[in-house]
């Protein structure tokens, strides 16, 4: 974690990714809650059946567990989601290679058809996340980090960042200074970026009102 992130998050809490690398059980549970639907959706869109996609999810998380230490969130533009995508697409490729090998062994027109089903977009470097998937991922991440903040901090963040209330109104309602309201928003957004494997946002500026 960066120094700025450490200062913001405090000494009592580490990011989900760092805790995952420490192999903390609760971190793994949260990771699965947040990312399983996304990985499953990618596998299904890659042409895998329900059962094969479920198997792919297990293999992806087995690989994540085995190579957790390899992920370096300190690198510029490092994205945990992109890392998960790379592992997922490799798993989908493996599925098609295995199915193609079986099809070639069997021979015939049906075999050639199965081999040709391989989706070209699986080779894309950028993860194929739709706006709906992004919203769902954000909602699951919000649920994962909610317990790491006191109620006042969370309310300030929610009213400013989500409900777009004026900073002055939130300040009066919660008994916080305008700066504290903006800082609450920044702290939660910083944590969300961490949990989702992105780069910490810039320092908070003046919000509405």
N, C-alpha and C. Protein backbone atom coordinates (compact mmCIF):
# COMPACT_ATOMS: atom_id res chain seq x y z
N UNK A 1 0.83 -1.20 0.00
CA UNK A 1 0.00 0.00 0.00
C UNK A 1 0.87 1.26 0.00
N UNK A 2 0.37 2.29 -0.64
CA UNK A 2 1.10 3.55 -0.65
C UNK A 2 0.99 4.21 0.71
N UNK A 3 1.91 5.15 0.96
CA UNK A 3 1.90 5.88 2.23
C UNK A 3 0.61 6.66 2.40
N UNK A 4 0.17 7.31 1.33
CA UNK A 4 -1.06 8.09 1.39
C UNK A 4 -2.23 7.19 1.77
N UNK A 5 -2.34 6.03 1.11
CA UNK A 5 -3.44 5.12 1.41
C UNK A 5 -3.38 4.64 2.84
N UNK A 6 -2.16 4.34 3.32
CA UNK A 6 -2.01 3.87 4.70
C UNK A 6 -2.46 4.94 5.68
N UNK A 7 -2.09 6.19 5.42
CA UNK A 7 -2.49 7.28 6.30
C UNK A 7 -4.00 7.45 6.32
N UNK A 8 -4.61 7.32 5.16
CA UNK A 8 -6.04 7.52 5.06
C UNK A 8 -6.81 6.40 5.74
N UNK A 9 -6.37 5.20 5.55
CA UNK A 9 -7.11 4.05 6.04
C UNK A 9 -6.84 3.78 7.51
N UNK A 10 -5.75 4.28 8.04
CA UNK A 10 -5.45 4.08 9.44
C UNK A 10 -4.78 2.74 9.69
N UNK A 11 -4.30 2.57 10.90
CA UNK A 11 -3.51 1.38 11.22
C UNK A 11 -4.37 0.16 11.51
N UNK A 12 -5.67 0.34 11.69
CA UNK A 12 -6.52 -0.77 12.10
C UNK A 12 -7.08 -1.56 10.92
N UNK A 13 -6.82 -1.12 9.69
CA UNK A 13 -7.45 -1.80 8.56
C UNK A 13 -6.52 -1.81 7.35
N UNK A 14 -6.41 -2.95 6.70
CA UNK A 14 -5.62 -3.09 5.48
C UNK A 14 -6.56 -3.35 4.33
N UNK A 15 -6.09 -3.15 3.10
CA UNK A 15 -6.95 -3.36 1.96
C UNK A 15 -7.29 -4.84 1.81
N UNK A 16 -8.37 -5.09 1.11
CA UNK A 16 -8.81 -6.46 0.87
C UNK A 16 -7.73 -7.25 0.16
N UNK A 17 -7.07 -6.63 -0.79
CA UNK A 17 -6.04 -7.33 -1.56
C UNK A 17 -4.85 -7.70 -0.68
N UNK A 18 -4.41 -6.78 0.17
CA UNK A 18 -3.29 -7.08 1.06
C UNK A 18 -3.68 -8.19 2.03
N UNK A 19 -4.90 -8.13 2.56
CA UNK A 19 -5.35 -9.17 3.47
C UNK A 19 -5.49 -10.51 2.76
N UNK A 20 -5.88 -10.46 1.48
CA UNK A 20 -5.95 -11.67 0.68
C UNK A 20 -4.56 -12.29 0.55
N UNK A 21 -3.56 -11.43 0.31
CA UNK A 21 -2.20 -11.92 0.16
C UNK A 21 -1.67 -12.52 1.47
N UNK A 22 -2.24 -12.07 2.57
CA UNK A 22 -1.88 -12.66 3.87
C UNK A 22 -2.68 -13.94 4.13
N UNK A 23 -3.57 -14.27 3.19
CA UNK A 23 -4.39 -15.48 3.27
C UNK A 23 -5.33 -15.46 4.48
N UNK A 24 -5.88 -14.27 4.76
CA UNK A 24 -6.87 -14.16 5.82
C UNK A 24 -8.22 -14.70 5.32
N UNK A 25 -8.83 -15.62 6.03
CA UNK A 25 -10.10 -16.24 5.58
C UNK A 25 -11.20 -15.25 5.27
N UNK A 26 -11.37 -14.23 6.11
CA UNK A 26 -12.42 -13.26 5.89
C UNK A 26 -12.18 -12.47 4.61
N UNK A 27 -10.93 -12.19 4.30
CA UNK A 27 -10.61 -11.48 3.06
C UNK A 27 -10.98 -12.33 1.86
N UNK A 28 -10.72 -13.62 1.95
CA UNK A 28 -11.08 -14.51 0.84
C UNK A 28 -12.58 -14.61 0.66
N UNK A 29 -13.31 -14.59 1.76
CA UNK A 29 -14.77 -14.64 1.66
C UNK A 29 -15.29 -13.39 0.95
N UNK A 30 -14.76 -12.23 1.36
CA UNK A 30 -15.17 -10.98 0.73
C UNK A 30 -14.78 -10.95 -0.75
N UNK A 31 -13.59 -11.43 -1.04
CA UNK A 31 -13.13 -11.46 -2.43
C UNK A 31 -14.07 -12.29 -3.29
N UNK A 32 -14.46 -13.45 -2.77
CA UNK A 32 -15.38 -14.31 -3.52
C UNK A 32 -16.73 -13.64 -3.69
N UNK A 33 -17.22 -12.98 -2.64
CA UNK A 33 -18.51 -12.29 -2.73
C UNK A 33 -18.49 -11.21 -3.80
N UNK A 34 -17.37 -10.50 -3.89
CA UNK A 34 -17.27 -9.37 -4.82
C UNK A 34 -17.06 -9.83 -6.26
N UNK A 35 -16.17 -10.80 -6.45
CA UNK A 35 -15.74 -11.11 -7.81
C UNK A 35 -16.34 -12.36 -8.46
N UNK A 36 -16.94 -13.25 -7.69
CA UNK A 36 -17.50 -14.46 -8.28
C UNK A 36 -18.52 -14.18 -9.38
N UNK A 37 -19.50 -13.28 -9.16
CA UNK A 37 -20.47 -13.01 -10.23
C UNK A 37 -19.81 -12.48 -11.50
N UNK A 38 -18.76 -11.67 -11.35
CA UNK A 38 -18.08 -11.11 -12.52
C UNK A 38 -17.36 -12.20 -13.29
N UNK A 39 -16.61 -13.05 -12.59
CA UNK A 39 -15.88 -14.13 -13.24
C UNK A 39 -16.85 -15.12 -13.91
N UNK A 40 -17.91 -15.45 -13.21
CA UNK A 40 -18.91 -16.36 -13.78
C UNK A 40 -19.53 -15.76 -15.04
N UNK A 41 -19.84 -14.47 -15.00
CA UNK A 41 -20.42 -13.81 -16.17
C UNK A 41 -19.47 -13.82 -17.36
N UNK A 42 -18.19 -13.59 -17.11
CA UNK A 42 -17.20 -13.64 -18.19
C UNK A 42 -17.14 -15.04 -18.81
N UNK A 43 -17.14 -16.05 -17.95
CA UNK A 43 -17.06 -17.42 -18.45
C UNK A 43 -18.28 -17.78 -19.28
N UNK A 44 -19.44 -17.34 -18.83
CA UNK A 44 -20.67 -17.63 -19.59
C UNK A 44 -20.66 -16.90 -20.92
N UNK A 45 -20.22 -15.65 -20.92
CA UNK A 45 -20.15 -14.89 -22.17
C UNK A 45 -19.10 -15.46 -23.10
N UNK A 46 -18.14 -16.19 -22.52
CA UNK A 46 -17.12 -16.83 -23.32
C UNK A 46 -17.59 -18.13 -23.96
N UNK A 47 -18.86 -18.48 -23.73
CA UNK A 47 -19.42 -19.65 -24.37
C UNK A 47 -19.48 -20.89 -23.50
N UNK A 48 -19.07 -20.78 -22.24
CA UNK A 48 -19.10 -21.93 -21.35
C UNK A 48 -20.51 -22.18 -20.83
N UNK A 49 -20.83 -23.43 -20.63
CA UNK A 49 -22.12 -23.79 -20.06
C UNK A 49 -22.16 -23.39 -18.60
N UNK A 50 -23.32 -23.49 -17.99
CA UNK A 50 -23.46 -23.14 -16.58
C UNK A 50 -22.49 -23.96 -15.73
N UNK A 51 -22.47 -25.26 -15.97
CA UNK A 51 -21.59 -26.14 -15.18
C UNK A 51 -20.12 -25.84 -15.44
N UNK A 52 -19.76 -25.63 -16.72
CA UNK A 52 -18.37 -25.34 -17.06
C UNK A 52 -17.93 -23.99 -16.50
N UNK A 53 -18.86 -23.02 -16.51
CA UNK A 53 -18.54 -21.69 -15.97
C UNK A 53 -18.32 -21.78 -14.47
N UNK A 54 -19.13 -22.58 -13.78
CA UNK A 54 -18.95 -22.77 -12.33
C UNK A 54 -17.60 -23.42 -12.05
N UNK A 55 -17.21 -24.38 -12.88
CA UNK A 55 -15.90 -25.02 -12.72
C UNK A 55 -14.79 -24.00 -12.97
N UNK A 56 -15.00 -23.14 -13.99
CA UNK A 56 -14.00 -22.12 -14.31
C UNK A 56 -13.80 -21.17 -13.15
N UNK A 57 -14.90 -20.79 -12.48
CA UNK A 57 -14.81 -19.90 -11.32
C UNK A 57 -13.92 -20.53 -10.24
N UNK A 58 -14.14 -21.81 -9.98
CA UNK A 58 -13.32 -22.50 -8.98
C UNK A 58 -11.85 -22.50 -9.36
N UNK A 59 -11.58 -22.74 -10.64
CA UNK A 59 -10.19 -22.78 -11.09
C UNK A 59 -9.55 -21.40 -11.04
N UNK A 60 -10.33 -20.38 -11.37
CA UNK A 60 -9.80 -19.02 -11.33
C UNK A 60 -9.40 -18.65 -9.90
N UNK A 61 -10.27 -18.93 -8.95
CA UNK A 61 -9.95 -18.55 -7.57
C UNK A 61 -8.88 -19.45 -6.98
N UNK A 62 -8.77 -20.67 -7.47
CA UNK A 62 -7.66 -21.52 -7.04
C UNK A 62 -6.34 -20.91 -7.52
N UNK A 63 -6.35 -20.39 -8.74
CA UNK A 63 -5.14 -19.76 -9.28
C UNK A 63 -4.83 -18.45 -8.56
N UNK A 64 -5.88 -17.68 -8.27
CA UNK A 64 -5.68 -16.43 -7.52
C UNK A 64 -5.05 -16.73 -6.17
N UNK A 65 -5.54 -17.76 -5.51
CA UNK A 65 -5.01 -18.14 -4.20
C UNK A 65 -3.54 -18.53 -4.31
N UNK A 66 -3.24 -19.32 -5.34
CA UNK A 66 -1.88 -19.83 -5.50
C UNK A 66 -0.88 -18.72 -5.87
N UNK A 67 -1.37 -17.68 -6.56
CA UNK A 67 -0.46 -16.65 -7.07
C UNK A 67 -0.77 -15.26 -6.50
N UNK A 68 -1.45 -15.21 -5.37
CA UNK A 68 -1.84 -13.93 -4.78
C UNK A 68 -0.65 -13.00 -4.58
N UNK A 69 0.48 -13.56 -4.19
CA UNK A 69 1.66 -12.75 -3.93
C UNK A 69 2.22 -12.10 -5.19
N UNK A 70 1.82 -12.60 -6.36
CA UNK A 70 2.34 -12.06 -7.62
C UNK A 70 1.70 -10.74 -8.00
N UNK A 71 0.51 -10.45 -7.43
CA UNK A 71 -0.16 -9.20 -7.79
C UNK A 71 0.50 -8.04 -7.06
N UNK A 72 0.90 -7.03 -7.82
CA UNK A 72 1.58 -5.86 -7.26
C UNK A 72 0.74 -4.62 -7.51
N UNK A 73 -0.06 -4.24 -6.53
CA UNK A 73 -0.91 -3.07 -6.66
C UNK A 73 -0.15 -1.76 -6.64
N UNK A 74 1.14 -1.80 -6.35
CA UNK A 74 1.95 -0.58 -6.34
C UNK A 74 2.29 -0.11 -7.75
N UNK A 75 2.22 -1.02 -8.70
CA UNK A 75 2.57 -0.65 -10.07
C UNK A 75 1.56 0.34 -10.62
N UNK A 76 2.03 1.27 -11.42
CA UNK A 76 1.16 2.28 -12.01
C UNK A 76 0.10 1.60 -12.86
N UNK A 77 -1.15 2.02 -12.64
CA UNK A 77 -2.31 1.49 -13.37
C UNK A 77 -2.58 0.02 -13.08
N UNK A 78 -1.97 -0.52 -12.02
CA UNK A 78 -2.24 -1.91 -11.67
C UNK A 78 -3.72 -2.06 -11.33
N UNK A 79 -4.36 -3.06 -11.87
CA UNK A 79 -5.77 -3.28 -11.63
C UNK A 79 -6.00 -4.72 -11.24
N UNK A 80 -6.56 -4.92 -10.06
CA UNK A 80 -6.86 -6.28 -9.61
C UNK A 80 -7.90 -6.90 -10.52
N UNK A 81 -8.85 -6.10 -10.95
CA UNK A 81 -9.89 -6.60 -11.86
C UNK A 81 -9.27 -7.09 -13.17
N UNK A 82 -8.29 -6.35 -13.68
CA UNK A 82 -7.62 -6.76 -14.91
C UNK A 82 -6.83 -8.05 -14.70
N UNK A 83 -6.24 -8.18 -13.51
CA UNK A 83 -5.50 -9.41 -13.19
C UNK A 83 -6.45 -10.60 -13.14
N UNK A 84 -7.61 -10.40 -12.52
CA UNK A 84 -8.64 -11.45 -12.46
C UNK A 84 -9.08 -11.81 -13.88
N UNK A 85 -9.22 -10.78 -14.74
CA UNK A 85 -9.63 -11.02 -16.12
C UNK A 85 -8.60 -11.86 -16.85
N UNK A 86 -7.33 -11.56 -16.67
CA UNK A 86 -6.27 -12.33 -17.33
C UNK A 86 -6.33 -13.80 -16.93
N UNK A 87 -6.52 -14.05 -15.65
CA UNK A 87 -6.62 -15.43 -15.17
C UNK A 87 -7.86 -16.11 -15.74
N UNK A 88 -8.97 -15.36 -15.79
CA UNK A 88 -10.22 -15.93 -16.31
C UNK A 88 -10.11 -16.28 -17.78
N UNK A 89 -9.57 -15.36 -18.57
CA UNK A 89 -9.49 -15.65 -20.01
C UNK A 89 -8.54 -16.81 -20.29
N UNK A 90 -7.49 -16.94 -19.48
CA UNK A 90 -6.61 -18.09 -19.64
C UNK A 90 -7.34 -19.39 -19.33
N UNK A 91 -8.24 -19.33 -18.35
CA UNK A 91 -9.02 -20.52 -18.01
C UNK A 91 -10.00 -20.86 -19.12
N UNK A 92 -10.60 -19.83 -19.72
CA UNK A 92 -11.53 -20.06 -20.84
C UNK A 92 -10.76 -20.62 -22.04
N UNK A 93 -9.58 -20.07 -22.30
CA UNK A 93 -8.74 -20.60 -23.38
C UNK A 93 -8.43 -22.08 -23.15
N UNK A 94 -8.09 -22.42 -21.90
CA UNK A 94 -7.78 -23.81 -21.58
C UNK A 94 -8.98 -24.71 -21.85
N UNK A 95 -10.15 -24.22 -21.50
CA UNK A 95 -11.37 -24.99 -21.76
C UNK A 95 -11.51 -25.30 -23.25
N UNK A 96 -11.30 -24.26 -24.08
CA UNK A 96 -11.44 -24.46 -25.52
C UNK A 96 -10.35 -25.35 -26.09
N UNK A 97 -9.15 -25.22 -25.53
CA UNK A 97 -8.07 -26.10 -25.99
C UNK A 97 -8.38 -27.56 -25.67
N UNK A 98 -8.87 -27.78 -24.47
CA UNK A 98 -9.21 -29.14 -24.08
C UNK A 98 -10.37 -29.68 -24.90
N UNK A 99 -11.37 -28.84 -25.13
CA UNK A 99 -12.51 -29.27 -25.92
C UNK A 99 -12.10 -29.49 -27.37
N UNK A 100 -11.20 -28.62 -27.88
CA UNK A 100 -10.73 -28.79 -29.24
C UNK A 100 -9.94 -30.07 -29.42
N UNK A 101 -9.13 -30.41 -28.40
CA UNK A 101 -8.35 -31.65 -28.47
C UNK A 101 -9.27 -32.86 -28.52
N UNK A 102 -10.34 -32.82 -27.73
CA UNK A 102 -11.30 -33.92 -27.74
C UNK A 102 -12.03 -33.98 -29.08
N UNK A 103 -12.40 -32.79 -29.59
CA UNK A 103 -13.12 -32.74 -30.87
C UNK A 103 -12.26 -33.26 -32.01
N UNK A 104 -10.97 -32.88 -32.02
CA UNK A 104 -10.08 -33.35 -33.07
C UNK A 104 -9.90 -34.86 -33.00
N UNK A 105 -9.84 -35.37 -31.79
CA UNK A 105 -9.70 -36.81 -31.63
C UNK A 105 -10.93 -37.54 -32.16
N UNK A 106 -12.09 -36.91 -31.99
CA UNK A 106 -13.33 -37.53 -32.46
C UNK A 106 -13.50 -37.36 -33.97
N UNK A 107 -13.01 -36.21 -34.49
CA UNK A 107 -13.10 -35.95 -35.92
C UNK A 107 -14.51 -35.58 -36.36
N UNK A 108 -14.65 -35.29 -37.68
CA UNK A 108 -15.97 -35.00 -38.24
C UNK A 108 -16.30 -33.52 -38.25
N UNK A 109 -17.45 -33.17 -38.91
CA UNK A 109 -17.89 -31.79 -39.06
C UNK A 109 -18.19 -31.16 -37.71
N UNK A 110 -18.82 -31.92 -36.82
CA UNK A 110 -19.16 -31.39 -35.51
C UNK A 110 -17.91 -30.97 -34.75
N UNK A 111 -16.84 -31.70 -34.94
CA UNK A 111 -15.58 -31.36 -34.28
C UNK A 111 -15.06 -30.01 -34.76
N UNK A 112 -15.08 -29.79 -36.07
CA UNK A 112 -14.62 -28.52 -36.63
C UNK A 112 -15.48 -27.36 -36.13
N UNK A 113 -16.79 -27.60 -35.99
CA UNK A 113 -17.69 -26.56 -35.51
C UNK A 113 -17.34 -26.18 -34.07
N UNK A 114 -17.07 -27.17 -33.24
CA UNK A 114 -16.74 -26.90 -31.84
C UNK A 114 -15.45 -26.08 -31.72
N UNK A 115 -14.49 -26.41 -32.55
CA UNK A 115 -13.22 -25.69 -32.51
C UNK A 115 -13.41 -24.23 -32.92
N UNK A 116 -14.31 -23.99 -33.87
CA UNK A 116 -14.52 -22.64 -34.39
C UNK A 116 -15.34 -21.76 -33.44
N UNK A 117 -15.86 -22.32 -32.36
CA UNK A 117 -16.69 -21.56 -31.43
C UNK A 117 -15.88 -20.61 -30.55
N UNK A 118 -14.57 -20.74 -30.55
CA UNK A 118 -13.71 -19.93 -29.68
C UNK A 118 -13.96 -18.44 -29.93
N UNK A 119 -14.35 -17.67 -28.91
CA UNK A 119 -14.66 -16.24 -29.08
C UNK A 119 -13.40 -15.40 -29.20
N UNK A 120 -13.31 -14.57 -30.24
CA UNK A 120 -12.12 -13.75 -30.46
C UNK A 120 -11.86 -12.77 -29.32
N UNK A 121 -12.93 -12.26 -28.69
CA UNK A 121 -12.74 -11.23 -27.67
C UNK A 121 -12.02 -11.76 -26.43
N UNK A 122 -11.94 -13.06 -26.28
CA UNK A 122 -11.23 -13.63 -25.15
C UNK A 122 -9.75 -13.22 -25.18
N UNK A 123 -9.24 -12.90 -26.36
CA UNK A 123 -7.83 -12.50 -26.49
C UNK A 123 -7.59 -11.03 -26.18
N UNK A 124 -8.66 -10.26 -25.92
CA UNK A 124 -8.51 -8.84 -25.63
C UNK A 124 -7.81 -8.63 -24.29
N UNK A 125 -6.89 -7.67 -24.25
CA UNK A 125 -6.18 -7.37 -23.01
C UNK A 125 -7.09 -6.70 -21.99
N UNK A 126 -7.99 -5.83 -22.47
CA UNK A 126 -8.86 -5.08 -21.56
C UNK A 126 -10.07 -5.92 -21.17
N UNK A 127 -10.36 -5.95 -19.90
CA UNK A 127 -11.46 -6.77 -19.42
C UNK A 127 -12.80 -6.25 -19.94
N UNK A 128 -13.69 -7.14 -20.40
CA UNK A 128 -14.96 -6.73 -21.01
C UNK A 128 -16.05 -6.52 -19.96
N UNK A 129 -15.99 -5.41 -19.25
CA UNK A 129 -16.97 -5.14 -18.21
C UNK A 129 -18.02 -4.16 -18.72
N UNK A 130 -19.28 -4.57 -18.68
CA UNK A 130 -20.37 -3.70 -19.09
C UNK A 130 -20.69 -2.71 -17.98
N UNK A 131 -21.47 -1.69 -18.31
CA UNK A 131 -21.85 -0.70 -17.30
C UNK A 131 -22.65 -1.36 -16.19
N UNK A 132 -23.48 -2.32 -16.55
CA UNK A 132 -24.27 -3.04 -15.54
C UNK A 132 -23.37 -3.84 -14.61
N UNK A 133 -22.36 -4.51 -15.19
CA UNK A 133 -21.42 -5.28 -14.37
C UNK A 133 -20.61 -4.37 -13.47
N UNK A 134 -20.24 -3.19 -13.96
CA UNK A 134 -19.48 -2.24 -13.16
C UNK A 134 -20.31 -1.77 -11.97
N UNK A 135 -21.59 -1.48 -12.21
CA UNK A 135 -22.46 -1.05 -11.11
C UNK A 135 -22.62 -2.15 -10.08
N UNK A 136 -22.82 -3.38 -10.55
CA UNK A 136 -22.98 -4.50 -9.63
C UNK A 136 -21.71 -4.74 -8.83
N UNK A 137 -20.55 -4.62 -9.50
CA UNK A 137 -19.27 -4.80 -8.82
C UNK A 137 -19.09 -3.73 -7.75
N UNK A 138 -19.46 -2.49 -8.08
CA UNK A 138 -19.35 -1.40 -7.13
C UNK A 138 -20.25 -1.65 -5.92
N UNK A 139 -21.49 -2.09 -6.18
CA UNK A 139 -22.42 -2.36 -5.08
C UNK A 139 -21.89 -3.44 -4.15
N UNK A 140 -21.32 -4.49 -4.73
CA UNK A 140 -20.78 -5.57 -3.89
C UNK A 140 -19.56 -5.09 -3.11
N UNK A 141 -18.76 -4.22 -3.73
CA UNK A 141 -17.59 -3.69 -3.04
C UNK A 141 -18.01 -2.75 -1.92
N UNK A 142 -19.04 -1.95 -2.17
CA UNK A 142 -19.56 -1.07 -1.12
C UNK A 142 -20.00 -1.89 0.09
N UNK A 143 -20.71 -2.99 -0.18
CA UNK A 143 -21.16 -3.86 0.91
C UNK A 143 -19.97 -4.45 1.66
N UNK A 144 -18.89 -4.75 0.92
CA UNK A 144 -17.71 -5.37 1.54
C UNK A 144 -16.97 -4.41 2.46
N UNK A 145 -16.99 -3.10 2.13
CA UNK A 145 -16.22 -2.15 2.92
C UNK A 145 -17.06 -1.38 3.93
N UNK A 146 -18.38 -1.52 3.87
CA UNK A 146 -19.27 -0.71 4.73
C UNK A 146 -18.88 -0.81 6.20
N UNK A 147 -18.56 -2.00 6.68
CA UNK A 147 -18.25 -2.18 8.09
C UNK A 147 -16.94 -1.59 8.54
N UNK A 148 -16.14 -1.07 7.62
CA UNK A 148 -14.84 -0.51 7.97
C UNK A 148 -14.90 0.98 8.31
N UNK A 149 -16.10 1.55 8.24
CA UNK A 149 -16.25 2.98 8.51
C UNK A 149 -17.34 3.21 9.55
N UNK A 150 -17.16 4.24 10.38
CA UNK A 150 -18.20 4.58 11.34
C UNK A 150 -19.39 5.17 10.59
N UNK A 151 -20.52 5.21 11.25
CA UNK A 151 -21.76 5.60 10.60
C UNK A 151 -21.72 7.03 10.07
N UNK A 152 -21.11 7.93 10.83
CA UNK A 152 -21.07 9.33 10.39
C UNK A 152 -20.24 9.49 9.12
N UNK A 153 -19.09 8.84 9.08
CA UNK A 153 -18.25 8.89 7.88
C UNK A 153 -18.99 8.33 6.67
N UNK A 154 -19.67 7.20 6.88
CA UNK A 154 -20.40 6.58 5.77
C UNK A 154 -21.55 7.47 5.28
N UNK A 155 -22.28 8.05 6.22
CA UNK A 155 -23.39 8.93 5.82
C UNK A 155 -22.87 10.14 5.04
N UNK A 156 -21.77 10.71 5.50
CA UNK A 156 -21.20 11.86 4.79
C UNK A 156 -20.80 11.47 3.37
N UNK A 157 -20.12 10.33 3.25
CA UNK A 157 -19.74 9.84 1.92
C UNK A 157 -20.98 9.61 1.05
N UNK A 158 -21.96 8.90 1.59
CA UNK A 158 -23.12 8.50 0.80
C UNK A 158 -23.92 9.70 0.32
N UNK A 159 -24.12 10.65 1.22
CA UNK A 159 -24.93 11.82 0.85
C UNK A 159 -24.21 12.71 -0.16
N UNK A 160 -22.89 12.79 -0.04
CA UNK A 160 -22.14 13.65 -0.96
C UNK A 160 -21.86 12.96 -2.29
N UNK A 161 -21.39 11.71 -2.24
CA UNK A 161 -20.95 11.03 -3.46
C UNK A 161 -22.09 10.35 -4.21
N UNK A 162 -23.06 9.83 -3.49
CA UNK A 162 -24.13 9.06 -4.12
C UNK A 162 -25.39 9.89 -4.32
N UNK A 163 -25.82 10.56 -3.24
CA UNK A 163 -27.06 11.33 -3.33
C UNK A 163 -26.84 12.77 -3.79
N UNK A 164 -25.57 13.18 -3.85
CA UNK A 164 -25.19 14.49 -4.39
C UNK A 164 -25.81 15.66 -3.62
N UNK A 165 -25.91 15.51 -2.30
CA UNK A 165 -26.38 16.62 -1.48
C UNK A 165 -25.29 17.68 -1.40
N UNK A 166 -25.68 18.89 -1.05
CA UNK A 166 -24.72 19.98 -0.90
C UNK A 166 -23.85 19.74 0.34
N UNK A 167 -22.56 20.06 0.22
CA UNK A 167 -21.64 19.87 1.33
C UNK A 167 -22.10 20.63 2.56
N UNK A 168 -22.59 21.86 2.38
CA UNK A 168 -23.04 22.68 3.51
C UNK A 168 -24.20 22.03 4.24
N UNK A 169 -25.13 21.43 3.49
CA UNK A 169 -26.28 20.77 4.10
C UNK A 169 -25.83 19.55 4.91
N UNK A 170 -24.93 18.76 4.34
CA UNK A 170 -24.44 17.56 5.04
C UNK A 170 -23.69 17.98 6.29
N UNK A 171 -22.91 19.04 6.20
CA UNK A 171 -22.14 19.54 7.33
C UNK A 171 -23.07 19.90 8.49
N UNK A 172 -24.17 20.59 8.17
CA UNK A 172 -25.12 21.00 9.20
C UNK A 172 -25.84 19.80 9.79
N UNK A 173 -26.21 18.85 8.94
CA UNK A 173 -26.97 17.68 9.40
C UNK A 173 -26.14 16.77 10.30
N UNK A 174 -24.87 16.59 9.95
CA UNK A 174 -24.04 15.63 10.67
C UNK A 174 -23.12 16.26 11.71
N UNK A 175 -23.11 17.58 11.76
CA UNK A 175 -22.25 18.25 12.73
C UNK A 175 -20.77 18.14 12.39
N UNK A 176 -20.46 18.10 11.10
CA UNK A 176 -19.08 18.03 10.64
C UNK A 176 -18.71 19.32 9.91
N UNK A 177 -17.43 19.61 9.86
CA UNK A 177 -16.99 20.74 9.06
C UNK A 177 -17.09 20.36 7.58
N UNK A 178 -17.21 21.32 6.68
CA UNK A 178 -17.24 20.99 5.24
C UNK A 178 -16.03 20.18 4.81
N UNK A 179 -14.85 20.52 5.38
CA UNK A 179 -13.65 19.77 5.04
C UNK A 179 -13.75 18.32 5.48
N UNK A 180 -14.34 18.08 6.65
CA UNK A 180 -14.48 16.72 7.15
C UNK A 180 -15.45 15.92 6.27
N UNK A 181 -16.46 16.57 5.76
CA UNK A 181 -17.41 15.91 4.85
C UNK A 181 -16.70 15.47 3.58
N UNK A 182 -15.91 16.38 3.01
CA UNK A 182 -15.18 16.03 1.79
C UNK A 182 -14.13 14.96 2.05
N UNK A 183 -13.51 15.01 3.23
CA UNK A 183 -12.51 14.01 3.58
C UNK A 183 -13.15 12.64 3.75
N UNK A 184 -14.36 12.60 4.29
CA UNK A 184 -15.08 11.33 4.44
C UNK A 184 -15.33 10.71 3.07
N UNK A 185 -15.74 11.53 2.13
CA UNK A 185 -15.97 11.03 0.77
C UNK A 185 -14.67 10.48 0.19
N UNK A 186 -13.58 11.21 0.38
CA UNK A 186 -12.30 10.79 -0.17
C UNK A 186 -11.83 9.48 0.44
N UNK A 187 -11.99 9.34 1.76
CA UNK A 187 -11.54 8.13 2.44
C UNK A 187 -12.27 6.89 1.91
N UNK A 188 -13.58 7.00 1.74
CA UNK A 188 -14.34 5.84 1.27
C UNK A 188 -14.01 5.56 -0.19
N UNK A 189 -13.91 6.59 -1.01
CA UNK A 189 -13.56 6.38 -2.41
C UNK A 189 -12.17 5.77 -2.54
N UNK A 190 -11.24 6.21 -1.69
CA UNK A 190 -9.90 5.65 -1.71
C UNK A 190 -9.95 4.16 -1.38
N UNK A 191 -10.73 3.80 -0.38
CA UNK A 191 -10.85 2.40 -0.02
C UNK A 191 -11.48 1.60 -1.16
N UNK A 192 -12.51 2.16 -1.78
CA UNK A 192 -13.15 1.46 -2.89
C UNK A 192 -12.17 1.21 -4.01
N UNK A 193 -11.35 2.22 -4.33
CA UNK A 193 -10.34 2.04 -5.37
C UNK A 193 -9.37 0.93 -4.99
N UNK A 194 -8.99 0.91 -3.73
CA UNK A 194 -8.09 -0.14 -3.27
C UNK A 194 -8.72 -1.52 -3.42
N UNK A 195 -9.95 -1.64 -2.91
CA UNK A 195 -10.61 -2.93 -2.93
C UNK A 195 -10.85 -3.41 -4.35
N UNK A 196 -11.07 -2.49 -5.29
CA UNK A 196 -11.32 -2.86 -6.66
C UNK A 196 -10.04 -2.87 -7.49
N UNK A 197 -8.91 -2.62 -6.82
CA UNK A 197 -7.62 -2.75 -7.48
C UNK A 197 -7.22 -1.59 -8.34
N UNK A 198 -7.78 -0.42 -8.09
CA UNK A 198 -7.45 0.72 -8.92
C UNK A 198 -6.50 1.68 -8.25
N UNK A 199 -6.37 2.86 -8.82
CA UNK A 199 -5.47 3.89 -8.30
C UNK A 199 -6.25 4.82 -7.39
N UNK A 200 -5.63 5.25 -6.29
CA UNK A 200 -6.31 6.12 -5.35
C UNK A 200 -6.72 7.42 -6.02
N UNK A 201 -7.92 7.95 -5.71
CA UNK A 201 -8.36 9.21 -6.32
C UNK A 201 -7.55 10.37 -5.81
N UNK A 202 -7.65 11.49 -6.50
CA UNK A 202 -6.95 12.70 -6.09
C UNK A 202 -7.57 13.24 -4.81
N UNK A 203 -6.84 14.15 -4.18
CA UNK A 203 -7.34 14.74 -2.95
C UNK A 203 -8.67 15.43 -3.21
N UNK A 204 -9.59 15.40 -2.21
CA UNK A 204 -10.90 15.99 -2.44
C UNK A 204 -10.84 17.47 -2.66
N UNK A 205 -11.63 17.94 -3.61
CA UNK A 205 -11.76 19.37 -3.83
C UNK A 205 -13.03 19.86 -3.16
N UNK A 206 -13.48 21.00 -3.54
CA UNK A 206 -14.70 21.52 -2.97
C UNK A 206 -15.89 20.85 -3.64
N UNK A 207 -16.77 20.28 -2.85
CA UNK A 207 -17.94 19.60 -3.39
C UNK A 207 -19.05 20.59 -3.64
N UNK A 208 -20.26 20.12 -4.02
CA UNK A 208 -21.38 21.00 -4.26
C UNK A 208 -21.78 21.73 -2.98
N UNK A 209 -22.06 22.97 -3.08
CA UNK A 209 -22.48 23.76 -1.94
C UNK A 209 -21.33 24.18 -1.10
